[in-house]
Amino acid sequence: MGRTGLRGRGNLLRWGPNHVMYAIVSRWRQVVNSTGTPQGPLLINGKKVLEILVVYNERLKEDSLPGAFVSGRTSKFSVMCEMFMRDLMGEKDVPGSNQLDEDDMIQFYRQFLSRELLLSSLLNRGTTADSKFSSSLIYRGYMDDRFNTDNAWIDAEIWNFHYNGKDKFDKKIVDVGLMKGKIFSLFQNDKHWREVSVLMQLASSQLHHVLEVAKMHNRS
């Protein structure tokens, strides 16, 4: 952790580490026909194109990974589910829980696989869905951020939830921007999904971790 030259707590909630949970929700960009039906992954120079879900931070005027501070009122795994339901699905008054654990969080994100894959998973004892969804802890620790000071800083935990088959996101994600006036987004798919590249504009040092996720999936 390097020194920033700034004293005090700044705009952060707490002195010392401020814990934040981030989700890198990824999938392969699809080629769709005139009716919007996916026809298979988009290939550029023979390689599939990874895309991730983002939210738009109106205050900072930039895209960001979905994320939220851990306040201590609920478990960090509950925070990861709460922020997704609130910021991308438009749910109001999302109840938190101190009882949610890592497995609960993974099951929450796994549910966004298509109904066909989940049903096939039940019939085949999980093998189908397990090959189409993966979750992994990408990073845990200090994170460079414009709001860090010498006395208060972001301590992040970043998870990747990857979908290698049909998903239900485009039916679940709603126009949160118009509902809440905080995150600008429309029903159109491309307003939420961004193709991963070194030219992406993301808040703070998030891009580094997104590119690491892209390397990981391109190797698999």
C-alpha atoms as a PDB file:
ATOM      1  CA  MET A   1       0.000   0.000   0.000  1.00  0.00           C
ATOM      2  CA  GLY A   2       1.544   3.299  -1.061  1.00  0.00           C
ATOM      3  CA  ARG A   3       1.125   6.662   0.635  1.00  0.00           C
ATOM      4  CA  THR A   4      -1.259   9.119  -1.011  1.00  0.00           C
ATOM      5  CA  GLY A   5      -0.120  12.302   0.707  1.00  0.00           C
ATOM      6  CA  LEU A   6      -3.715  12.931   1.800  1.00  0.00           C
ATOM      7  CA  ARG A   7      -4.755  12.987   5.445  1.00  0.00           C
ATOM      8  CA  GLY A   8      -8.072  12.257   7.078  1.00  0.00           C
ATOM      9  CA  ARG A   9     -10.973  10.018   6.093  1.00  0.00           C
ATOM     10  CA  GLY A  10     -11.909  11.930   2.939  1.00  0.00           C
ATOM     11  CA  ASN A  11     -15.112  10.711   1.299  1.00  0.00           C
ATOM     12  CA  LEU A  12     -14.852   7.184   2.689  1.00  0.00           C
ATOM     13  CA  LEU A  13     -17.142   5.833   5.393  1.00  0.00           C
ATOM     14  CA  ARG A  14     -14.542   4.658   7.894  1.00  0.00           C
ATOM     15  CA  TRP A  15     -11.030   5.258   9.096  1.00  0.00           C
ATOM     16  CA  GLY A  16      -8.715   2.447   8.005  1.00  0.00           C
ATOM     17  CA  PRO A  17      -9.909  -0.215   5.558  1.00  0.00           C
ATOM     18  CA  ASN A  18     -13.301   0.276   3.910  1.00  0.00           C
ATOM     19  CA  HIS A  19     -14.466  -3.141   2.715  1.00  0.00           C
ATOM     20  CA  VAL A  20     -16.142  -3.326  -0.705  1.00  0.00           C
ATOM     21  CA  MET A  21     -17.523  -6.318  -2.605  1.00  0.00           C
ATOM     22  CA  TYR A  22     -17.336  -6.276  -6.425  1.00  0.00           C
ATOM     23  CA  ALA A  23     -18.830  -8.684  -8.974  1.00  0.00           C
ATOM     24  CA  ILE A  24     -17.358  -9.323 -12.418  1.00  0.00           C
ATOM     25  CA  VAL A  25     -20.330 -10.936 -14.167  1.00  0.00           C
ATOM     26  CA  SER A  26     -19.058 -12.245 -17.501  1.00  0.00           C
ATOM     27  CA  ARG A  27     -20.298 -14.136 -20.536  1.00  0.00           C
ATOM     28  CA  TRP A  28     -19.388 -14.581 -24.200  1.00  0.00           C
ATOM     29  CA  ARG A  29     -20.947 -12.040 -26.553  1.00  0.00           C
ATOM     30  CA  GLN A  30     -23.422 -13.759 -28.844  1.00  0.00           C
ATOM     31  CA  VAL A  31     -24.329 -13.373 -32.498  1.00  0.00           C
ATOM     32  CA  VAL A  32     -28.107 -12.897 -32.716  1.00  0.00           C
ATOM     33  CA  ASN A  33     -30.468 -13.216 -35.664  1.00  0.00           C
ATOM     34  CA  SER A  34     -33.192 -10.758 -36.719  1.00  0.00           C
ATOM     35  CA  THR A  35     -35.530 -12.069 -34.000  1.00  0.00           C
ATOM     36  CA  GLY A  36     -32.932 -11.640 -31.259  1.00  0.00           C
ATOM     37  CA  THR A  37     -32.254 -15.370 -30.874  1.00  0.00           C
ATOM     38  CA  PRO A  38     -28.598 -16.173 -30.025  1.00  0.00           C
ATOM     39  CA  GLN A  39     -26.833 -18.124 -32.776  1.00  0.00           C
ATOM     40  CA  GLY A  40     -23.561 -18.789 -31.014  1.00  0.00           C
ATOM     41  CA  PRO A  41     -20.565 -16.838 -29.706  1.00  0.00           C
ATOM     42  CA  LEU A  42     -19.189 -13.906 -31.666  1.00  0.00           C
ATOM     43  CA  LEU A  43     -15.734 -14.688 -33.053  1.00  0.00           C
ATOM     44  CA  ILE A  44     -13.137 -12.046 -33.896  1.00  0.00           C
ATOM     45  CA  ASN A  45      -9.925 -13.403 -35.401  1.00  0.00           C
ATOM     46  CA  GLY A  46     -11.061 -16.831 -34.250  1.00  0.00           C
ATOM     47  CA  LYS A  47     -11.465 -15.797 -30.597  1.00  0.00           C
ATOM     48  CA  LYS A  48     -14.612 -15.419 -28.540  1.00  0.00           C
ATOM     49  CA  VAL A  49     -15.384 -11.936 -27.170  1.00  0.00           C
ATOM     50  CA  LEU A  50     -15.888 -11.610 -23.421  1.00  0.00           C
ATOM     51  CA  GLU A  51     -18.384  -9.072 -22.090  1.00  0.00           C
ATOM     52  CA  ILE A  52     -19.156  -7.976 -18.542  1.00  0.00           C
ATOM     53  CA  LEU A  53     -22.007  -6.290 -16.713  1.00  0.00           C
ATOM     54  CA  VAL A  54     -21.414  -2.695 -15.624  1.00  0.00           C
ATOM     55  CA  VAL A  55     -23.384   0.017 -13.890  1.00  0.00           C
ATOM     56  CA  TYR A  56     -23.044   3.727 -14.579  1.00  0.00           C
ATOM     57  CA  ASN A  57     -22.023   5.878 -11.644  1.00  0.00           C
ATOM     58  CA  GLU A  58     -23.849   9.145 -12.239  1.00  0.00           C
ATOM     59  CA  ARG A  59     -21.852  10.993  -9.587  1.00  0.00           C
ATOM     60  CA  LEU A  60     -18.477  10.003 -11.030  1.00  0.00           C
ATOM     61  CA  LYS A  61     -19.677   9.954 -14.661  1.00  0.00           C
ATOM     62  CA  GLU A  62     -18.107   6.586 -15.412  1.00  0.00           C
ATOM     63  CA  ASP A  63     -18.827   2.873 -15.667  1.00  0.00           C
ATOM     64  CA  SER A  64     -18.109   0.670 -12.690  1.00  0.00           C
ATOM     65  CA  LEU A  65     -18.307  -2.954 -11.698  1.00  0.00           C
ATOM     66  CA  PRO A  66     -21.417  -3.698  -9.633  1.00  0.00           C
ATOM     67  CA  GLY A  67     -20.342  -3.333  -6.023  1.00  0.00           C
ATOM     68  CA  ALA A  68     -21.211  -2.134  -2.533  1.00  0.00           C
ATOM     69  CA  PHE A  69     -19.639  -1.361   0.831  1.00  0.00           C
ATOM     70  CA  VAL A  70     -19.826  -3.933   3.611  1.00  0.00           C
ATOM     71  CA  SER A  71     -21.448  -2.112   6.515  1.00  0.00           C
ATOM     72  CA  GLY A  72     -21.398  -4.912   9.081  1.00  0.00           C
ATOM     73  CA  ARG A  73     -25.190  -5.126   9.307  1.00  0.00           C
ATOM     74  CA  THR A  74     -25.232  -8.108   6.935  1.00  0.00           C
ATOM     75  CA  SER A  75     -22.653 -10.644   5.785  1.00  0.00           C
ATOM     76  CA  LYS A  76     -20.377  -9.688   2.894  1.00  0.00           C
ATOM     77  CA  PHE A  77     -21.948 -12.460   0.810  1.00  0.00           C
ATOM     78  CA  SER A  78     -25.381 -10.984   1.462  1.00  0.00           C
ATOM     79  CA  VAL A  79     -24.071  -7.586   0.342  1.00  0.00           C
ATOM     80  CA  MET A  80     -23.020  -9.138  -2.973  1.00  0.00           C
ATOM     81  CA  CYS A  81     -26.578 -10.363  -3.577  1.00  0.00           C
ATOM     82  CA  GLU A  82     -28.326  -7.279  -2.197  1.00  0.00           C
ATOM     83  CA  MET A  83     -26.492  -4.820  -4.437  1.00  0.00           C
ATOM     84  CA  PHE A  84     -27.212  -6.887  -7.549  1.00  0.00           C
ATOM     85  CA  MET A  85     -30.931  -7.095  -6.770  1.00  0.00           C
ATOM     86  CA  ARG A  86     -31.075  -3.385  -5.984  1.00  0.00           C
ATOM     87  CA  ASP A  87     -28.821  -1.868  -8.641  1.00  0.00           C
ATOM     88  CA  LEU A  88     -29.508  -4.134 -11.608  1.00  0.00           C
ATOM     89  CA  MET A  89     -32.862  -5.766 -10.950  1.00  0.00           C
ATOM     90  CA  GLY A  90     -34.599  -2.719  -9.478  1.00  0.00           C
ATOM     91  CA  GLU A  91     -35.701  -4.425  -6.275  1.00  0.00           C
ATOM     92  CA  LYS A  92     -36.692  -2.116  -3.433  1.00  0.00           C
ATOM     93  CA  ASP A  93     -36.146  -2.702   0.289  1.00  0.00           C
ATOM     94  CA  VAL A  94     -33.960  -5.761  -0.283  1.00  0.00           C
ATOM     95  CA  PRO A  95     -33.641  -7.633   3.026  1.00  0.00           C
ATOM     96  CA  GLY A  96     -30.110  -8.467   4.096  1.00  0.00           C
ATOM     97  CA  SER A  97     -28.943 -11.370   6.213  1.00  0.00           C
ATOM     98  CA  ASN A  98     -26.036 -12.166   8.483  1.00  0.00           C
ATOM     99  CA  GLN A  99     -26.624 -15.839   7.756  1.00  0.00           C
ATOM    100  CA  LEU A 100     -25.834 -15.877   4.014  1.00  0.00           C
ATOM    101  CA  ASP A 101     -22.545 -17.630   3.312  1.00  0.00           C
ATOM    102  CA  GLU A 102     -20.348 -18.182   0.277  1.00  0.00           C
ATOM    103  CA  ASP A 103     -22.408 -21.117  -1.005  1.00  0.00           C
ATOM    104  CA  ASP A 104     -25.604 -19.057  -0.763  1.00  0.00           C
ATOM    105  CA  MET A 105     -24.025 -16.265  -2.806  1.00  0.00           C
ATOM    106  CA  ILE A 106     -22.862 -18.699  -5.489  1.00  0.00           C
ATOM    107  CA  GLN A 107     -26.325 -20.245  -5.712  1.00  0.00           C
ATOM    108  CA  PHE A 108     -27.829 -16.777  -6.059  1.00  0.00           C
ATOM    109  CA  TYR A 109     -25.722 -16.054  -9.149  1.00  0.00           C
ATOM    110  CA  ARG A 110     -26.124 -19.573 -10.487  1.00  0.00           C
ATOM    111  CA  GLN A 111     -29.889 -19.057 -10.720  1.00  0.00           C
ATOM    112  CA  PHE A 112     -29.386 -16.707 -13.695  1.00  0.00           C
ATOM    113  CA  LEU A 113     -28.586 -19.652 -15.939  1.00  0.00           C
ATOM    114  CA  SER A 114     -31.399 -20.303 -18.393  1.00  0.00           C
ATOM    115  CA  ARG A 115     -34.343 -22.385 -17.235  1.00  0.00           C
ATOM    116  CA  GLU A 116     -33.376 -25.094 -19.726  1.00  0.00           C
ATOM    117  CA  LEU A 117     -29.878 -25.444 -18.258  1.00  0.00           C
ATOM    118  CA  LEU A 118     -31.137 -25.515 -14.679  1.00  0.00           C
ATOM    119  CA  LEU A 119     -33.755 -28.136 -15.541  1.00  0.00           C
ATOM    120  CA  SER A 120     -31.174 -30.193 -17.393  1.00  0.00           C
ATOM    121  CA  SER A 121     -28.936 -29.901 -14.349  1.00  0.00           C
ATOM    122  CA  LEU A 122     -31.629 -31.406 -12.136  1.00  0.00           C
ATOM    123  CA  LEU A 123     -32.119 -34.292 -14.534  1.00  0.00           C
ATOM    124  CA  ASN A 124     -28.395 -34.909 -14.914  1.00  0.00           C
ATOM    125  CA  ARG A 125     -27.381 -34.354 -11.282  1.00  0.00           C
ATOM    126  CA  GLY A 126     -25.795 -30.956 -11.857  1.00  0.00           C
ATOM    127  CA  THR A 127     -23.348 -31.832 -14.615  1.00  0.00           C
ATOM    128  CA  THR A 128     -24.919 -29.626 -17.317  1.00  0.00           C
ATOM    129  CA  ALA A 129     -25.217 -26.416 -15.302  1.00  0.00           C
ATOM    130  CA  ASP A 130     -21.852 -26.958 -13.615  1.00  0.00           C
ATOM    131  CA  SER A 131     -20.141 -26.848 -17.004  1.00  0.00           C
ATOM    132  CA  LYS A 132     -21.980 -23.646 -17.955  1.00  0.00           C
ATOM    133  CA  PHE A 133     -21.404 -21.612 -14.798  1.00  0.00           C
ATOM    134  CA  SER A 134     -18.334 -20.937 -12.700  1.00  0.00           C
ATOM    135  CA  SER A 135     -17.544 -18.733  -9.720  1.00  0.00           C
ATOM    136  CA  SER A 136     -14.143 -17.769  -8.361  1.00  0.00           C
ATOM    137  CA  LEU A 137     -12.542 -15.308  -5.990  1.00  0.00           C
ATOM    138  CA  ILE A 138     -10.310 -13.102  -8.131  1.00  0.00           C
ATOM    139  CA  TYR A 139      -8.760 -10.730  -5.619  1.00  0.00           C
ATOM    140  CA  ARG A 140      -8.862  -9.738  -1.970  1.00  0.00           C
ATOM    141  CA  GLY A 141      -6.891  -6.820  -0.585  1.00  0.00           C
ATOM    142  CA  TYR A 142      -5.938  -3.161  -0.962  1.00  0.00           C
ATOM    143  CA  MET A 143      -7.310  -1.473  -4.086  1.00  0.00           C
ATOM    144  CA  ASP A 144      -6.083   1.744  -5.653  1.00  0.00           C
ATOM    145  CA  ASP A 145      -8.890   4.287  -5.633  1.00  0.00           C
ATOM    146  CA  ARG A 146      -9.172   8.046  -6.092  1.00  0.00           C
ATOM    147  CA  PHE A 147     -10.774   8.347  -2.642  1.00  0.00           C
ATOM    148  CA  ASN A 148      -7.961   6.612  -0.743  1.00  0.00           C
ATOM    149  CA  THR A 149      -6.037   8.626   1.821  1.00  0.00           C
ATOM    150  CA  ASP A 150      -3.210   7.737   4.176  1.00  0.00           C
ATOM    151  CA  ASN A 151      -5.810   7.107   6.887  1.00  0.00           C
ATOM    152  CA  ALA A 152      -8.682   5.487   4.952  1.00  0.00           C
ATOM    153  CA  TRP A 153      -8.621   3.202   1.931  1.00  0.00           C
ATOM    154  CA  ILE A 154     -10.577   0.678  -0.140  1.00  0.00           C
ATOM    155  CA  ASP A 155     -10.093  -2.985   0.751  1.00  0.00           C
ATOM    156  CA  ALA A 156     -11.821  -4.984  -1.990  1.00  0.00           C
ATOM    157  CA  GLU A 157     -13.012  -8.516  -2.551  1.00  0.00           C
ATOM    158  CA  ILE A 158     -13.682  -9.260  -6.219  1.00  0.00           C
ATOM    159  CA  TRP A 159     -15.584 -12.294  -7.474  1.00  0.00           C
ATOM    160  CA  ASN A 160     -16.116 -13.528 -11.016  1.00  0.00           C
ATOM    161  CA  PHE A 161     -19.362 -15.227 -12.020  1.00  0.00           C
ATOM    162  CA  HIS A 162     -19.016 -16.577 -15.545  1.00  0.00           C
ATOM    163  CA  TYR A 163     -21.784 -17.902 -17.796  1.00  0.00           C
ATOM    164  CA  ASN A 164     -20.771 -20.221 -20.597  1.00  0.00           C
ATOM    165  CA  GLY A 165     -24.323 -20.876 -21.800  1.00  0.00           C
ATOM    166  CA  LYS A 166     -27.721 -19.238 -22.059  1.00  0.00           C
ATOM    167  CA  ASP A 167     -28.633 -16.909 -19.196  1.00  0.00           C
ATOM    168  CA  LYS A 168     -31.643 -14.909 -18.006  1.00  0.00           C
ATOM    169  CA  PHE A 169     -29.981 -11.542 -17.405  1.00  0.00           C
ATOM    170  CA  ASP A 170     -31.592  -9.681 -20.273  1.00  0.00           C
ATOM    171  CA  LYS A 171     -35.021 -10.601 -18.924  1.00  0.00           C
ATOM    172  CA  LYS A 172     -34.175  -9.855 -15.307  1.00  0.00           C
ATOM    173  CA  ILE A 173     -32.314  -6.549 -15.591  1.00  0.00           C
ATOM    174  CA  VAL A 174     -34.638  -3.544 -15.527  1.00  0.00           C
ATOM    175  CA  ASP A 175     -34.462   0.199 -16.146  1.00  0.00           C
ATOM    176  CA  VAL A 176     -33.047   1.072 -12.752  1.00  0.00           C
ATOM    177  CA  GLY A 177     -31.965   4.527 -13.901  1.00  0.00           C
ATOM    178  CA  LEU A 178     -35.492   5.750 -14.500  1.00  0.00           C
ATOM    179  CA  MET A 179     -36.737   4.086 -11.318  1.00  0.00           C
ATOM    180  CA  LYS A 180     -34.068   5.422  -8.976  1.00  0.00           C
ATOM    181  CA  GLY A 181     -32.330   8.262 -10.796  1.00  0.00           C
ATOM    182  CA  LYS A 182     -28.924   6.900  -9.761  1.00  0.00           C
ATOM    183  CA  ILE A 183     -27.802   4.382 -12.336  1.00  0.00           C
ATOM    184  CA  PHE A 184     -28.493   5.333 -15.925  1.00  0.00           C
ATOM    185  CA  SER A 185     -29.435   2.299 -17.955  1.00  0.00           C
ATOM    186  CA  LEU A 186     -32.071   1.296 -20.483  1.00  0.00           C
ATOM    187  CA  PHE A 187     -33.649  -2.003 -21.406  1.00  0.00           C
ATOM    188  CA  GLN A 188     -31.330  -2.377 -24.390  1.00  0.00           C
ATOM    189  CA  ASN A 189     -28.754  -5.042 -23.703  1.00  0.00           C
ATOM    190  CA  ASP A 190     -25.728  -2.986 -24.784  1.00  0.00           C
ATOM    191  CA  LYS A 191     -26.439  -0.353 -22.135  1.00  0.00           C
ATOM    192  CA  HIS A 192     -25.352  -2.816 -19.431  1.00  0.00           C
ATOM    193  CA  TRP A 193     -22.859  -5.067 -21.182  1.00  0.00           C
ATOM    194  CA  ARG A 194     -19.386  -3.939 -22.238  1.00  0.00           C
ATOM    195  CA  GLU A 195     -16.914  -5.829 -24.391  1.00  0.00           C
ATOM    196  CA  VAL A 196     -13.704  -6.418 -22.482  1.00  0.00           C
ATOM    197  CA  SER A 197     -10.667  -4.645 -23.924  1.00  0.00           C
ATOM    198  CA  VAL A 198      -7.666  -2.653 -22.739  1.00  0.00           C
ATOM    199  CA  LEU A 199      -9.516   0.483 -23.882  1.00  0.00           C
ATOM    200  CA  MET A 200     -12.421   0.034 -21.454  1.00  0.00           C
ATOM    201  CA  GLN A 201     -13.147   2.989 -19.191  1.00  0.00           C
ATOM    202  CA  LEU A 202     -13.754   1.706 -15.676  1.00  0.00           C
ATOM    203  CA  ALA A 203     -13.571   3.288 -12.253  1.00  0.00           C
ATOM    204  CA  SER A 204     -10.304   3.232 -10.256  1.00  0.00           C
ATOM    205  CA  SER A 205      -8.163   0.119 -10.841  1.00  0.00           C
ATOM    206  CA  GLN A 206     -10.991  -2.237 -11.787  1.00  0.00           C
ATOM    207  CA  LEU A 207      -9.803  -2.729 -15.365  1.00  0.00           C
ATOM    208  CA  HIS A 208      -6.711  -4.633 -14.242  1.00  0.00           C
ATOM    209  CA  HIS A 209      -8.833  -7.302 -12.578  1.00  0.00           C
ATOM    210  CA  VAL A 210     -11.266  -7.479 -15.506  1.00  0.00           C
ATOM    211  CA  LEU A 211      -8.371  -8.126 -17.906  1.00  0.00           C
ATOM    212  CA  GLU A 212      -7.089 -10.867 -15.594  1.00  0.00           C
ATOM    213  CA  VAL A 213     -10.516 -12.509 -15.758  1.00  0.00           C
ATOM    214  CA  ALA A 214     -10.443 -12.300 -19.563  1.00  0.00           C
ATOM    215  CA  LYS A 215      -7.039 -13.992 -19.661  1.00  0.00           C
ATOM    216  CA  MET A 216      -8.292 -16.726 -17.338  1.00  0.00           C
ATOM    217  CA  HIS A 217     -11.308 -17.560 -19.526  1.00  0.00           C
ATOM    218  CA  ASN A 218      -9.415 -17.309 -22.794  1.00  0.00           C
ATOM    219  CA  ARG A 219      -7.007 -19.937 -21.472  1.00  0.00           C
ATOM    220  CA  SER A 220      -9.800 -22.334 -20.481  1.00  0.00           C
END
